[in-house]
Amino acid sequence: MRDMAETVVFVHGLYMTGVELGLLRRRVEAAGFATALFHYHSLLRSVDENAMLLADFLKGIEGERLHLVGHSLGGMVILRMFERGVDLPPGRVVFMGSPVRGSLAAKHLRDRGLGFALGRSGPAGLELPQDAQWKAPRELGVIAGTHAFSINPFHAKLPEPHDGVVSVEETRIAGAKDSIELHLAHTTMLFSTRLAEQVSGFLKKGEFVR
């Protein structure tokens, strides 16, 4: 049975719409949560602009507890929102494959004159190294994938382990409550039962399932 007083808001990644999060949302709902999706324009707006829009979106959600789950760029949007300051109900946060320390794959594109493919999320976002720290007054869990696609042109000699797009090192952030590595790839992790169990477990207890 879902607890409508406890809502999980999902934030998708670059190039995505949120449709790819559908199965994960249903599995999190089956674990007892209500869910919602924040859709944003990852190419037409900057990370800062989308962070402000996310804050406005969350103000319209009622409930006693409000959790956030971000995939890839979505985690960076959540991080930037909390860095700017926002008043929200208590809850927890999970990042999945989020390059919070900057993306080597994005830098690879920029250095080859293809930075335009990142839209406005590249400058001051994906392309630059970040000194990532979590200072928000809520627990953060970080999930990193370690299953690389050998034919993926984006990984650009990423340091191992990586998920084909983001290295484990790029997901690390000081101040996180817990972190875990799963042998899953960057996008296909969203369809994994194991990942859904870990997300639900952290949202419930503030730690991943060991």
N, C-alpha and C. Protein backbone atom coordinates (compact mmCIF):
# COMPACT_ATOMS: atom_id res chain seq x y z
N MET A 1 0.84 -1.20 0.00
CA MET A 1 0.00 0.00 0.00
C MET A 1 0.87 1.25 0.00
N ARG A 2 0.59 2.20 -0.89
CA ARG A 2 1.38 3.42 -0.99
C ARG A 2 1.02 4.40 0.11
N ASP A 3 2.05 5.08 0.62
CA ASP A 3 1.85 6.13 1.61
C ASP A 3 1.91 7.46 0.87
N MET A 4 0.74 8.10 0.66
CA MET A 4 0.69 9.34 -0.10
C MET A 4 1.36 10.49 0.64
N ALA A 5 1.68 10.27 1.94
CA ALA A 5 2.39 11.30 2.69
C ALA A 5 3.89 11.22 2.44
N GLU A 6 4.33 10.20 1.70
CA GLU A 6 5.75 9.98 1.43
C GLU A 6 5.95 9.81 -0.07
N THR A 7 6.46 10.85 -0.71
CA THR A 7 6.56 10.89 -2.17
C THR A 7 8.00 10.90 -2.63
N VAL A 8 8.28 10.17 -3.70
CA VAL A 8 9.60 10.14 -4.32
C VAL A 8 9.50 10.85 -5.67
N VAL A 9 10.30 11.89 -5.85
CA VAL A 9 10.34 12.62 -7.12
C VAL A 9 11.56 12.17 -7.90
N PHE A 10 11.35 11.71 -9.13
CA PHE A 10 12.43 11.24 -10.00
C PHE A 10 12.83 12.35 -10.96
N VAL A 11 14.14 12.48 -11.17
CA VAL A 11 14.70 13.50 -12.07
C VAL A 11 15.58 12.79 -13.11
N HIS A 12 15.21 12.87 -14.37
CA HIS A 12 15.89 12.12 -15.43
C HIS A 12 17.21 12.77 -15.84
N GLY A 13 17.91 12.10 -16.76
CA GLY A 13 19.22 12.56 -17.20
C GLY A 13 19.20 13.26 -18.55
N LEU A 14 20.41 13.51 -19.06
CA LEU A 14 20.60 14.20 -20.33
C LEU A 14 19.96 13.41 -21.47
N TYR A 15 19.30 14.13 -22.38
CA TYR A 15 18.63 13.58 -23.56
C TYR A 15 17.36 12.79 -23.23
N MET A 16 17.07 12.57 -21.98
CA MET A 16 15.96 11.71 -21.59
C MET A 16 14.67 12.53 -21.35
N THR A 17 13.56 11.80 -21.21
CA THR A 17 12.27 12.45 -20.97
C THR A 17 11.64 12.03 -19.65
N GLY A 18 12.13 10.94 -19.07
CA GLY A 18 11.51 10.38 -17.87
C GLY A 18 10.75 9.11 -18.16
N VAL A 19 10.45 8.86 -19.44
CA VAL A 19 9.76 7.62 -19.80
C VAL A 19 10.60 6.41 -19.40
N GLU A 20 11.92 6.54 -19.56
CA GLU A 20 12.82 5.44 -19.23
C GLU A 20 12.83 5.11 -17.74
N LEU A 21 12.28 5.99 -16.91
CA LEU A 21 12.20 5.77 -15.47
C LEU A 21 10.91 5.07 -15.06
N GLY A 22 10.06 4.77 -16.02
CA GLY A 22 8.74 4.22 -15.71
C GLY A 22 8.77 2.93 -14.91
N LEU A 23 9.59 1.97 -15.33
CA LEU A 23 9.65 0.69 -14.63
C LEU A 23 10.21 0.86 -13.22
N LEU A 24 11.25 1.66 -13.08
CA LEU A 24 11.82 1.92 -11.75
C LEU A 24 10.78 2.58 -10.85
N ARG A 25 10.03 3.52 -11.39
CA ARG A 25 8.99 4.17 -10.59
C ARG A 25 7.96 3.17 -10.10
N ARG A 26 7.53 2.28 -10.97
CA ARG A 26 6.53 1.29 -10.57
C ARG A 26 7.06 0.38 -9.48
N ARG A 27 8.33 0.01 -9.57
CA ARG A 27 8.92 -0.85 -8.54
C ARG A 27 9.05 -0.12 -7.21
N VAL A 28 9.38 1.16 -7.26
CA VAL A 28 9.45 1.96 -6.02
C VAL A 28 8.06 2.16 -5.43
N GLU A 29 7.08 2.33 -6.28
CA GLU A 29 5.70 2.42 -5.81
C GLU A 29 5.28 1.12 -5.12
N ALA A 30 5.67 -0.02 -5.68
CA ALA A 30 5.34 -1.32 -5.09
C ALA A 30 5.98 -1.49 -3.72
N ALA A 31 7.05 -0.72 -3.46
CA ALA A 31 7.71 -0.76 -2.16
C ALA A 31 7.03 0.13 -1.14
N GLY A 32 5.98 0.86 -1.58
CA GLY A 32 5.18 1.62 -0.63
C GLY A 32 5.20 3.12 -0.78
N PHE A 33 5.81 3.64 -1.84
CA PHE A 33 5.92 5.08 -2.01
C PHE A 33 4.99 5.59 -3.11
N ALA A 34 4.57 6.84 -2.98
CA ALA A 34 3.98 7.55 -4.11
C ALA A 34 5.13 8.13 -4.92
N THR A 35 4.97 8.30 -6.23
CA THR A 35 6.05 8.86 -7.04
C THR A 35 5.55 9.97 -7.95
N ALA A 36 6.49 10.81 -8.37
CA ALA A 36 6.22 11.87 -9.33
C ALA A 36 7.46 12.04 -10.19
N LEU A 37 7.30 12.65 -11.34
CA LEU A 37 8.41 12.87 -12.26
C LEU A 37 8.58 14.35 -12.54
N PHE A 38 9.82 14.82 -12.43
CA PHE A 38 10.16 16.18 -12.85
C PHE A 38 10.79 16.10 -14.23
N HIS A 39 10.10 16.62 -15.23
CA HIS A 39 10.63 16.65 -16.60
C HIS A 39 11.20 18.04 -16.87
N TYR A 40 12.36 18.08 -17.50
CA TYR A 40 12.99 19.36 -17.81
C TYR A 40 13.71 19.26 -19.15
N HIS A 41 14.11 20.40 -19.69
CA HIS A 41 14.81 20.44 -20.97
C HIS A 41 16.32 20.43 -20.70
N SER A 42 16.94 19.29 -20.90
CA SER A 42 18.35 19.14 -20.55
C SER A 42 19.28 19.84 -21.54
N LEU A 43 18.81 20.11 -22.75
CA LEU A 43 19.65 20.76 -23.75
C LEU A 43 19.40 22.26 -23.85
N LEU A 44 18.16 22.67 -23.62
CA LEU A 44 17.79 24.07 -23.82
C LEU A 44 18.01 24.95 -22.60
N ARG A 45 18.17 24.31 -21.42
CA ARG A 45 18.38 25.09 -20.19
C ARG A 45 19.63 24.59 -19.48
N SER A 46 20.25 25.49 -18.72
CA SER A 46 21.44 25.14 -17.96
C SER A 46 21.08 24.35 -16.70
N VAL A 47 22.08 23.77 -16.07
CA VAL A 47 21.86 23.05 -14.82
C VAL A 47 21.27 23.98 -13.77
N ASP A 48 21.77 25.20 -13.69
CA ASP A 48 21.25 26.16 -12.71
C ASP A 48 19.79 26.49 -12.97
N GLU A 49 19.44 26.72 -14.23
CA GLU A 49 18.06 27.04 -14.57
C GLU A 49 17.13 25.88 -14.22
N ASN A 50 17.56 24.67 -14.52
CA ASN A 50 16.72 23.51 -14.21
C ASN A 50 16.64 23.26 -12.71
N ALA A 51 17.68 23.61 -11.98
CA ALA A 51 17.65 23.50 -10.52
C ALA A 51 16.57 24.41 -9.93
N MET A 52 16.46 25.62 -10.45
CA MET A 52 15.44 26.54 -9.97
C MET A 52 14.03 26.04 -10.32
N LEU A 53 13.88 25.48 -11.52
CA LEU A 53 12.59 24.94 -11.92
C LEU A 53 12.21 23.73 -11.07
N LEU A 54 13.19 22.91 -10.71
CA LEU A 54 12.92 21.77 -9.83
C LEU A 54 12.43 22.25 -8.48
N ALA A 55 13.05 23.27 -7.93
CA ALA A 55 12.62 23.80 -6.63
C ALA A 55 11.17 24.27 -6.70
N ASP A 56 10.81 24.95 -7.78
CA ASP A 56 9.42 25.41 -7.95
C ASP A 56 8.47 24.22 -8.06
N PHE A 57 8.87 23.19 -8.79
CA PHE A 57 8.05 22.00 -8.96
C PHE A 57 7.78 21.32 -7.62
N LEU A 58 8.81 21.22 -6.80
CA LEU A 58 8.68 20.51 -5.52
C LEU A 58 7.77 21.26 -4.54
N LYS A 59 7.69 22.56 -4.67
CA LYS A 59 6.82 23.33 -3.78
C LYS A 59 5.35 22.96 -3.97
N GLY A 60 5.01 22.39 -5.12
CA GLY A 60 3.62 22.02 -5.39
C GLY A 60 3.26 20.62 -4.96
N ILE A 61 4.19 19.90 -4.33
CA ILE A 61 3.93 18.53 -3.91
C ILE A 61 3.66 18.49 -2.41
N GLU A 62 2.51 17.97 -2.04
CA GLU A 62 2.14 17.88 -0.64
C GLU A 62 2.61 16.56 -0.04
N GLY A 63 2.85 16.57 1.25
CA GLY A 63 3.26 15.35 1.92
C GLY A 63 4.18 15.64 3.09
N GLU A 64 4.29 14.68 3.97
CA GLU A 64 5.12 14.86 5.16
C GLU A 64 6.59 14.60 4.88
N ARG A 65 6.88 13.74 3.90
CA ARG A 65 8.26 13.43 3.53
C ARG A 65 8.39 13.47 2.01
N LEU A 66 9.51 14.02 1.56
CA LEU A 66 9.73 14.20 0.13
C LEU A 66 11.14 13.73 -0.21
N HIS A 67 11.21 12.64 -0.98
CA HIS A 67 12.49 12.08 -1.39
C HIS A 67 12.79 12.46 -2.83
N LEU A 68 14.08 12.43 -3.19
CA LEU A 68 14.49 12.75 -4.55
C LEU A 68 15.43 11.66 -5.07
N VAL A 69 15.22 11.25 -6.33
CA VAL A 69 16.07 10.26 -6.97
C VAL A 69 16.47 10.81 -8.33
N GLY A 70 17.78 10.99 -8.55
CA GLY A 70 18.26 11.55 -9.80
C GLY A 70 19.16 10.60 -10.55
N HIS A 71 18.93 10.47 -11.85
CA HIS A 71 19.78 9.65 -12.71
C HIS A 71 20.69 10.56 -13.53
N SER A 72 21.99 10.28 -13.50
CA SER A 72 22.96 10.98 -14.32
C SER A 72 22.87 12.50 -14.10
N LEU A 73 22.60 13.27 -15.14
CA LEU A 73 22.50 14.72 -14.99
C LEU A 73 21.45 15.12 -13.97
N GLY A 74 20.41 14.29 -13.80
CA GLY A 74 19.37 14.60 -12.83
C GLY A 74 19.92 14.76 -11.42
N GLY A 75 20.94 13.97 -11.07
CA GLY A 75 21.56 14.12 -9.77
C GLY A 75 22.25 15.46 -9.61
N MET A 76 22.86 15.94 -10.69
CA MET A 76 23.54 17.23 -10.66
C MET A 76 22.54 18.38 -10.52
N VAL A 77 21.37 18.22 -11.13
CA VAL A 77 20.32 19.23 -10.99
C VAL A 77 19.86 19.29 -9.53
N ILE A 78 19.69 18.13 -8.92
CA ILE A 78 19.29 18.07 -7.51
C ILE A 78 20.36 18.70 -6.63
N LEU A 79 21.62 18.34 -6.87
CA LEU A 79 22.72 18.88 -6.08
C LEU A 79 22.76 20.40 -6.18
N ARG A 80 22.66 20.92 -7.39
CA ARG A 80 22.71 22.37 -7.59
C ARG A 80 21.53 23.07 -6.91
N MET A 81 20.37 22.43 -6.90
CA MET A 81 19.21 23.01 -6.22
C MET A 81 19.48 23.18 -4.73
N PHE A 82 20.04 22.14 -4.10
CA PHE A 82 20.31 22.24 -2.67
C PHE A 82 21.45 23.21 -2.39
N GLU A 83 22.40 23.35 -3.30
CA GLU A 83 23.47 24.33 -3.12
C GLU A 83 22.93 25.75 -3.12
N ARG A 84 21.85 25.97 -3.87
CA ARG A 84 21.24 27.30 -3.95
C ARG A 84 20.35 27.58 -2.74
N GLY A 85 19.98 26.50 -2.01
CA GLY A 85 19.12 26.67 -0.85
C GLY A 85 17.65 26.49 -1.20
N VAL A 86 16.98 25.62 -0.48
CA VAL A 86 15.56 25.37 -0.73
C VAL A 86 14.94 24.81 0.54
N ASP A 87 13.72 25.19 0.81
CA ASP A 87 13.02 24.74 2.01
C ASP A 87 12.02 23.66 1.60
N LEU A 88 12.29 22.41 2.00
CA LEU A 88 11.45 21.29 1.61
C LEU A 88 11.15 20.41 2.82
N PRO A 89 10.11 19.58 2.74
CA PRO A 89 9.87 18.59 3.79
C PRO A 89 11.06 17.65 3.90
N PRO A 90 11.25 16.99 5.02
CA PRO A 90 12.38 16.07 5.18
C PRO A 90 12.27 14.87 4.24
N GLY A 91 13.39 14.24 4.00
CA GLY A 91 13.42 13.07 3.14
C GLY A 91 14.85 12.69 2.81
N ARG A 92 15.02 11.74 1.92
CA ARG A 92 16.35 11.28 1.52
C ARG A 92 16.55 11.48 0.02
N VAL A 93 17.80 11.32 -0.42
CA VAL A 93 18.16 11.54 -1.82
C VAL A 93 19.02 10.37 -2.31
N VAL A 94 18.80 9.94 -3.55
CA VAL A 94 19.64 8.93 -4.18
C VAL A 94 20.11 9.45 -5.54
N PHE A 95 21.42 9.36 -5.78
CA PHE A 95 21.99 9.65 -7.09
C PHE A 95 22.34 8.32 -7.75
N MET A 96 22.03 8.19 -9.04
CA MET A 96 22.34 6.98 -9.80
C MET A 96 23.18 7.36 -11.01
N GLY A 97 24.46 6.99 -10.99
CA GLY A 97 25.33 7.29 -12.12
C GLY A 97 25.46 8.77 -12.41
N SER A 98 25.51 9.59 -11.39
CA SER A 98 25.59 11.05 -11.57
C SER A 98 27.04 11.53 -11.50
N PRO A 99 27.56 12.16 -12.56
CA PRO A 99 28.95 12.63 -12.56
C PRO A 99 29.09 13.95 -11.82
N VAL A 100 28.89 13.91 -10.52
CA VAL A 100 28.87 15.14 -9.73
C VAL A 100 30.24 15.82 -9.64
N ARG A 101 31.30 15.10 -10.02
CA ARG A 101 32.63 15.69 -10.01
C ARG A 101 33.07 16.14 -11.40
N GLY A 102 32.11 16.17 -12.33
CA GLY A 102 32.42 16.53 -13.71
C GLY A 102 32.53 15.28 -14.57
N SER A 103 32.26 15.44 -15.84
CA SER A 103 32.20 14.29 -16.76
C SER A 103 33.35 14.31 -17.75
N LEU A 104 34.21 13.29 -17.68
CA LEU A 104 35.30 13.16 -18.64
C LEU A 104 34.75 12.91 -20.04
N ALA A 105 33.64 12.19 -20.13
CA ALA A 105 33.01 11.95 -21.43
C ALA A 105 32.55 13.26 -22.06
N ALA A 106 32.02 14.17 -21.24
CA ALA A 106 31.60 15.47 -21.74
C ALA A 106 32.80 16.29 -22.19
N LYS A 107 33.87 16.25 -21.42
CA LYS A 107 35.09 16.96 -21.79
C LYS A 107 35.64 16.40 -23.11
N HIS A 108 35.54 15.08 -23.27
CA HIS A 108 35.97 14.41 -24.49
C HIS A 108 35.24 15.00 -25.71
N LEU A 109 33.94 15.20 -25.58
CA LEU A 109 33.16 15.78 -26.68
C LEU A 109 33.57 17.23 -26.93
N ARG A 110 33.71 18.00 -25.85
CA ARG A 110 34.07 19.41 -26.00
C ARG A 110 35.43 19.55 -26.68
N ASP A 111 36.40 18.75 -26.26
CA ASP A 111 37.75 18.85 -26.82
C ASP A 111 37.78 18.50 -28.30
N ARG A 112 36.79 17.79 -28.79
CA ARG A 112 36.72 17.42 -30.20
C ARG A 112 35.75 18.29 -30.99
N GLY A 113 35.39 19.41 -30.37
CA GLY A 113 34.51 20.35 -31.05
C GLY A 113 33.06 19.92 -31.10
N LEU A 114 32.68 18.98 -30.22
CA LEU A 114 31.32 18.46 -30.22
C LEU A 114 30.55 18.84 -28.96
N GLY A 115 31.04 19.85 -28.28
CA GLY A 115 30.38 20.27 -27.04
C GLY A 115 28.94 20.70 -27.23
N PHE A 116 28.59 21.13 -28.45
CA PHE A 116 27.21 21.53 -28.72
C PHE A 116 26.23 20.40 -28.46
N ALA A 117 26.70 19.14 -28.52
CA ALA A 117 25.82 18.00 -28.30
C ALA A 117 25.32 17.94 -26.86
N LEU A 118 25.97 18.67 -25.97
CA LEU A 118 25.57 18.70 -24.56
C LEU A 118 24.59 19.83 -24.27
N GLY A 119 24.34 20.68 -25.26
CA GLY A 119 23.43 21.79 -25.06
C GLY A 119 23.92 22.71 -23.95
N ARG A 120 22.99 23.30 -23.23
CA ARG A 120 23.34 24.25 -22.17
C ARG A 120 23.70 23.56 -20.86
N SER A 121 23.61 22.22 -20.84
CA SER A 121 24.04 21.49 -19.65
C SER A 121 25.54 21.27 -19.62
N GLY A 122 26.23 21.58 -20.73
CA GLY A 122 27.67 21.40 -20.78
C GLY A 122 28.43 22.47 -20.03
N PRO A 123 28.35 23.74 -20.47
CA PRO A 123 29.08 24.81 -19.80
C PRO A 123 28.66 24.95 -18.33
N ALA A 124 29.64 25.08 -17.47
CA ALA A 124 29.40 25.23 -16.02
C ALA A 124 28.60 24.06 -15.44
N GLY A 125 28.62 22.95 -16.15
CA GLY A 125 27.88 21.77 -15.68
C GLY A 125 28.70 20.52 -15.91
N LEU A 126 28.38 19.80 -16.96
CA LEU A 126 29.02 18.52 -17.23
C LEU A 126 30.49 18.63 -17.62
N GLU A 127 30.85 19.69 -18.32
CA GLU A 127 32.18 19.75 -18.91
C GLU A 127 33.29 20.07 -17.92
N LEU A 128 32.97 20.68 -16.80
CA LEU A 128 34.00 21.17 -15.88
C LEU A 128 34.14 20.29 -14.65
N PRO A 129 35.37 20.09 -14.18
CA PRO A 129 35.56 19.36 -12.91
C PRO A 129 34.85 20.08 -11.77
N GLN A 130 34.31 19.32 -10.86
CA GLN A 130 33.56 19.90 -9.74
C GLN A 130 34.17 19.44 -8.41
N ASP A 131 34.14 20.32 -7.43
CA ASP A 131 34.52 19.95 -6.07
C ASP A 131 33.23 19.59 -5.35
N ALA A 132 32.80 18.36 -5.54
CA ALA A 132 31.46 17.96 -5.09
C ALA A 132 31.41 17.71 -3.59
N GLN A 133 30.49 18.38 -2.93
CA GLN A 133 30.25 18.19 -1.51
C GLN A 133 28.75 18.19 -1.25
N TRP A 134 28.34 17.31 -0.37
CA TRP A 134 26.92 17.25 0.00
C TRP A 134 26.75 17.89 1.37
N LYS A 135 26.05 19.02 1.41
CA LYS A 135 25.87 19.75 2.65
C LYS A 135 24.40 19.90 3.02
N ALA A 136 23.52 19.33 2.21
CA ALA A 136 22.08 19.44 2.49
C ALA A 136 21.75 18.66 3.76
N PRO A 137 20.75 19.12 4.51
CA PRO A 137 20.38 18.45 5.77
C PRO A 137 19.50 17.21 5.55
N ARG A 138 19.96 16.31 4.73
CA ARG A 138 19.26 15.06 4.48
C ARG A 138 20.27 14.04 3.98
N GLU A 139 19.96 12.77 4.19
CA GLU A 139 20.90 11.70 3.84
C GLU A 139 20.92 11.45 2.34
N LEU A 140 22.15 11.28 1.83
CA LEU A 140 22.36 11.01 0.40
C LEU A 140 22.98 9.63 0.20
N GLY A 141 22.41 8.86 -0.72
CA GLY A 141 22.98 7.59 -1.13
C GLY A 141 23.41 7.67 -2.59
N VAL A 142 24.58 7.11 -2.90
CA VAL A 142 25.14 7.19 -4.25
C VAL A 142 25.30 5.79 -4.83
N ILE A 143 24.71 5.57 -6.01
CA ILE A 143 24.84 4.30 -6.73
C ILE A 143 25.68 4.54 -7.98
N ALA A 144 26.72 3.72 -8.15
CA ALA A 144 27.58 3.82 -9.33
C ALA A 144 27.55 2.49 -10.09
N GLY A 145 27.52 2.57 -11.41
CA GLY A 145 27.54 1.37 -12.23
C GLY A 145 28.96 1.00 -12.62
N THR A 146 29.20 -0.29 -12.85
CA THR A 146 30.54 -0.75 -13.22
C THR A 146 30.55 -1.63 -14.48
N HIS A 147 29.44 -1.66 -15.19
CA HIS A 147 29.36 -2.49 -16.41
C HIS A 147 29.50 -1.59 -17.63
N ALA A 148 30.67 -1.60 -18.25
CA ALA A 148 30.94 -0.71 -19.38
C ALA A 148 30.55 -1.36 -20.69
N PHE A 149 30.06 -0.53 -21.63
CA PHE A 149 29.83 -0.99 -22.99
C PHE A 149 31.15 -0.83 -23.75
N SER A 150 31.73 -1.91 -24.23
CA SER A 150 33.04 -1.82 -24.89
C SER A 150 32.97 -1.06 -26.20
N ILE A 151 31.78 -0.94 -26.82
CA ILE A 151 31.67 -0.24 -28.10
C ILE A 151 31.15 1.18 -27.94
N ASN A 152 30.97 1.61 -26.70
CA ASN A 152 30.43 2.94 -26.44
C ASN A 152 31.48 4.01 -26.74
N PRO A 153 31.23 4.92 -27.69
CA PRO A 153 32.23 5.94 -28.04
C PRO A 153 32.36 7.03 -26.99
N PHE A 154 31.46 7.07 -25.99
CA PHE A 154 31.48 8.15 -25.01
C PHE A 154 32.49 7.94 -23.89
N HIS A 155 32.91 6.68 -23.65
CA HIS A 155 33.69 6.53 -22.43
C HIS A 155 35.10 7.08 -22.54
N ALA A 156 35.62 7.32 -23.72
CA ALA A 156 36.82 8.15 -23.90
C ALA A 156 37.92 7.82 -22.92
N LYS A 157 38.26 6.54 -22.81
CA LYS A 157 39.31 6.09 -21.90
C LYS A 157 39.01 6.47 -20.45
N LEU A 158 37.78 6.27 -20.07
CA LEU A 158 37.40 6.53 -18.68
C LEU A 158 38.20 5.63 -17.75
N PRO A 159 38.59 6.14 -16.58
CA PRO A 159 39.26 5.28 -15.61
C PRO A 159 38.30 4.21 -15.11
N GLU A 160 38.78 3.00 -15.02
CA GLU A 160 37.94 1.92 -14.53
C GLU A 160 37.87 1.95 -13.02
N PRO A 161 36.75 1.48 -12.47
CA PRO A 161 35.55 0.98 -13.15
C PRO A 161 34.65 2.13 -13.60
N HIS A 162 33.83 1.85 -14.60
CA HIS A 162 32.88 2.84 -15.09
C HIS A 162 31.68 2.11 -15.69
N ASP A 163 30.62 2.88 -15.97
CA ASP A 163 29.38 2.28 -16.48
C ASP A 163 29.20 2.47 -17.97
N GLY A 164 30.29 2.88 -18.65
CA GLY A 164 30.21 3.15 -20.08
C GLY A 164 30.11 4.62 -20.39
N VAL A 165 29.66 5.42 -19.43
CA VAL A 165 29.51 6.86 -19.61
C VAL A 165 30.13 7.63 -18.44
N VAL A 166 29.96 7.12 -17.24
CA VAL A 166 30.41 7.79 -16.02
C VAL A 166 31.28 6.83 -15.21
N SER A 167 32.43 7.31 -14.76
CA SER A 167 33.29 6.48 -13.93
C SER A 167 32.81 6.51 -12.47
N VAL A 168 33.17 5.48 -11.73
CA VAL A 168 32.82 5.44 -10.31
C VAL A 168 33.41 6.65 -9.60
N GLU A 169 34.64 7.01 -9.94
CA GLU A 169 35.31 8.15 -9.31
C GLU A 169 34.50 9.44 -9.50
N GLU A 170 33.88 9.60 -10.66
CA GLU A 170 33.12 10.82 -10.95
C GLU A 170 31.83 10.91 -10.14
N THR A 171 31.38 9.80 -9.56
CA THR A 171 30.14 9.81 -8.78
C THR A 171 30.39 10.10 -7.30
N ARG A 172 31.64 10.11 -6.88
CA ARG A 172 31.94 10.22 -5.45
C ARG A 172 31.75 11.66 -4.96
N ILE A 173 31.12 11.78 -3.81
CA ILE A 173 30.84 13.10 -3.27
C ILE A 173 31.00 13.08 -1.76
N ALA A 174 31.77 14.01 -1.26
CA ALA A 174 32.00 14.11 0.18
C ALA A 174 30.68 14.43 0.88
N GLY A 175 30.44 13.74 1.99
CA GLY A 175 29.23 14.01 2.76
C GLY A 175 28.10 13.03 2.51
N ALA A 176 28.27 12.13 1.53
CA ALA A 176 27.23 11.12 1.26
C ALA A 176 27.14 10.17 2.44
N LYS A 177 25.93 9.73 2.76
CA LYS A 177 25.72 8.80 3.87
C LYS A 177 26.20 7.39 3.51
N ASP A 178 25.94 6.95 2.26
CA ASP A 178 26.29 5.60 1.86
C ASP A 178 26.50 5.58 0.35
N SER A 179 27.27 4.61 -0.13
CA SER A 179 27.47 4.45 -1.57
C SER A 179 27.61 2.97 -1.87
N ILE A 180 27.28 2.61 -3.10
CA ILE A 180 27.35 1.21 -3.50
C ILE A 180 27.64 1.13 -5.00
N GLU A 181 28.37 0.10 -5.40
CA GLU A 181 28.65 -0.15 -6.81
C GLU A 181 27.88 -1.38 -7.26
N LEU A 182 27.20 -1.26 -8.40
CA LEU A 182 26.46 -2.37 -8.98
C LEU A 182 26.98 -2.63 -10.39
N HIS A 183 27.06 -3.90 -10.77
CA HIS A 183 27.57 -4.24 -12.10
C HIS A 183 26.47 -4.03 -13.13
N LEU A 184 26.20 -2.76 -13.38
CA LEU A 184 25.14 -2.34 -14.29
C LEU A 184 25.66 -1.20 -15.15
N ALA A 185 25.09 -1.05 -16.35
CA ALA A 185 25.49 0.01 -17.27
C ALA A 185 24.67 1.27 -17.03
N HIS A 186 25.13 2.35 -17.65
CA HIS A 186 24.63 3.69 -17.31
C HIS A 186 23.12 3.86 -17.48
N THR A 187 22.58 3.44 -18.60
CA THR A 187 21.14 3.61 -18.83
C THR A 187 20.35 2.36 -18.50
N THR A 188 20.88 1.19 -18.82
CA THR A 188 20.14 -0.04 -18.57
C THR A 188 20.00 -0.33 -17.08
N MET A 189 20.79 0.35 -16.23
CA MET A 189 20.61 0.17 -14.78
C MET A 189 19.19 0.51 -14.35
N LEU A 190 18.54 1.39 -15.10
CA LEU A 190 17.20 1.84 -14.72
C LEU A 190 16.15 0.73 -14.82
N PHE A 191 16.47 -0.33 -15.52
CA PHE A 191 15.53 -1.44 -15.68
C PHE A 191 15.86 -2.62 -14.77
N SER A 192 16.83 -2.43 -13.90
CA SER A 192 17.30 -3.50 -13.03
C SER A 192 16.48 -3.62 -11.74
N THR A 193 16.08 -4.85 -11.43
CA THR A 193 15.39 -5.11 -10.16
C THR A 193 16.32 -4.82 -8.99
N ARG A 194 17.60 -5.15 -9.14
CA ARG A 194 18.56 -4.91 -8.07
C ARG A 194 18.66 -3.43 -7.74
N LEU A 195 18.71 -2.60 -8.78
CA LEU A 195 18.80 -1.17 -8.53
C LEU A 195 17.55 -0.67 -7.83
N ALA A 196 16.39 -1.11 -8.25
CA ALA A 196 15.14 -0.69 -7.61
C ALA A 196 15.12 -1.07 -6.14
N GLU A 197 15.62 -2.25 -5.82
CA GLU A 197 15.67 -2.69 -4.42
C GLU A 197 16.60 -1.81 -3.60
N GLN A 198 17.73 -1.42 -4.20
CA GLN A 198 18.67 -0.57 -3.49
C GLN A 198 18.11 0.84 -3.28
N VAL A 199 17.46 1.38 -4.29
CA VAL A 199 16.85 2.70 -4.16
C VAL A 199 15.80 2.70 -3.06
N SER A 200 14.89 1.73 -3.11
CA SER A 200 13.83 1.65 -2.10
C SER A 200 14.40 1.42 -0.71
N GLY A 201 15.43 0.58 -0.62
CA GLY A 201 16.04 0.30 0.67
C GLY A 201 16.66 1.53 1.30
N PHE A 202 17.35 2.33 0.48
CA PHE A 202 17.97 3.53 1.04
C PHE A 202 16.92 4.55 1.44
N LEU A 203 15.89 4.70 0.65
CA LEU A 203 14.84 5.68 0.98
C LEU A 203 14.14 5.32 2.29
N LYS A 204 14.05 4.03 2.56
CA LYS A 204 13.38 3.57 3.79
C LYS A 204 14.28 3.67 5.02
N LYS A 205 15.56 3.28 4.87
CA LYS A 205 16.41 3.10 6.05
C LYS A 205 17.68 3.97 6.08
N GLY A 206 17.95 4.67 4.97
CA GLY A 206 19.14 5.51 4.97
C GLY A 206 20.42 4.74 4.75
N GLU A 207 20.31 3.51 4.23
CA GLU A 207 21.50 2.72 3.89
C GLU A 207 21.12 1.71 2.82
N PHE A 208 22.12 1.32 2.03
CA PHE A 208 21.86 0.35 0.99
C PHE A 208 21.84 -1.07 1.55
N VAL A 209 21.24 -1.97 0.80
CA VAL A 209 21.09 -3.36 1.22
C VAL A 209 22.40 -4.09 0.97
N ARG A 210 22.96 -4.70 2.00
CA ARG A 210 24.21 -5.45 1.87
C ARG A 210 23.93 -6.92 2.06
